[in-house]
């Protein structure tokens, strides 16, 4: 559900590079691409979002099934009940729930294994560089900078000027003020969407109840509108954007971090309930004051940020330990995400992804860590226990001594007997919320839906 792109930092500035989303986290499921091109998923599977041909939930990774055993995956994105992925040869596939047409195959039929996206004629031969997913809408960005969207459009999150759902991809045109450039990166929240242009401008559309579009209002927008419509903010050039449930995070080209939208649980890094409808510069405490930020990730109501020197901080809701600081105490200011005692203190974080109440992250030595909520096994550790500190998945998802080009490696043959459980399991019945999606639940008095 959370999109992003790689950043190249030189002399304290950031330049947008091609996205590299080889892992993804959603409300209650996760997806990881191995260096051999295979795709593995874990967590809830009531709509077939794990893509293994069943609706059986799994607390350990299962392999996504494909008709062609030689399919190699390049990118993945995760919505609440659906998943979409891009192959190395540029094909788009989706699977899982499809009640809003989010699979883009021209139907509303659920699919338990990957199906090809039904592309319009003008995009039939396009090659793709990024995919992103909201609660029930999907996005794909072509290598020539054209953006296509499909699925739920109740709040205008498809940017078509209407509220009609689409079961097949439609193009989002660039605003008139940006016709000289192209789309460069996209991010999808609950029911709002953001897109970054190649020249560093940021546009947003969809639900704006909490100011998450950052355009100075709280009115829904069904077409792209510029973020930060003040003279000072309009001069900013953006390099990275991430969308949470009702909040947004973004990094400028000079590595400054901004936040806006809902702040119900402190996810903006300010005093609680101080929601913002314009980008607000985050003031970092102590030793973080001069940090240059490279990546951000946003969950239901928590936020993560990664610095150029490999430090990872988190703030906001912490009901399931998703801040990774060893507690479940909500934090209104960034706290350092702590590595386990057996990890090398010198290891830097390199990539991050956030789901509803859990996170995935890689370190420079190629290790994958997961932490936070795990009621459906989305952490992939074979249990349904939450973790309030990062937990190495070396024996689950990957095992390697040095990073590979995609950040993953190792032998997963031991996963053939992965623990799985379904609707007849009392644990699932006991733990299941009234709706599987955090993205569609109203905010509650407590910290967890």
Foldseek 3Di string as FASTA:
>chain_A
DKFKAFWDDDPLFTATDFRFAQKAAAAFKIWHAFPLQWIWMAFAQCFLQRQCQDRFHFLAIDTHDDPDPNWGWGHKEDALFKIWTATPVAWIWMAGAQCFLQRQCQDRDHHNHIDGHDADPVCPPFGWGDKYDANFKIWTATPQAWIWIFGAQCFLQRQPQDRHGHNHIDTADDPPVCNVWGWRIKEYEHFKIKTATNFQWIWIFGQQCFLQRQCQDRDGGNHIDTHAPDPVRRPFGWHIKIYELFKIWTATRSQWIWIAGACCFLQRLAPHRPGHNHTDTHQADDPCRPFRWGYKEYAHFKIWTATPQQWIWIAGQQCLLQRQPQDRDHHNHIDTRDADPPDDPNWGWDDKYDYHFKIWTAIQQLWIWIFGAQLRSNRNPLDRHGHNHTDTCCVGFAPDRHADPSSGHHDNPVCPVGDIGRDVDVSCVVPCDPDSHPSPDDDDPDRGD
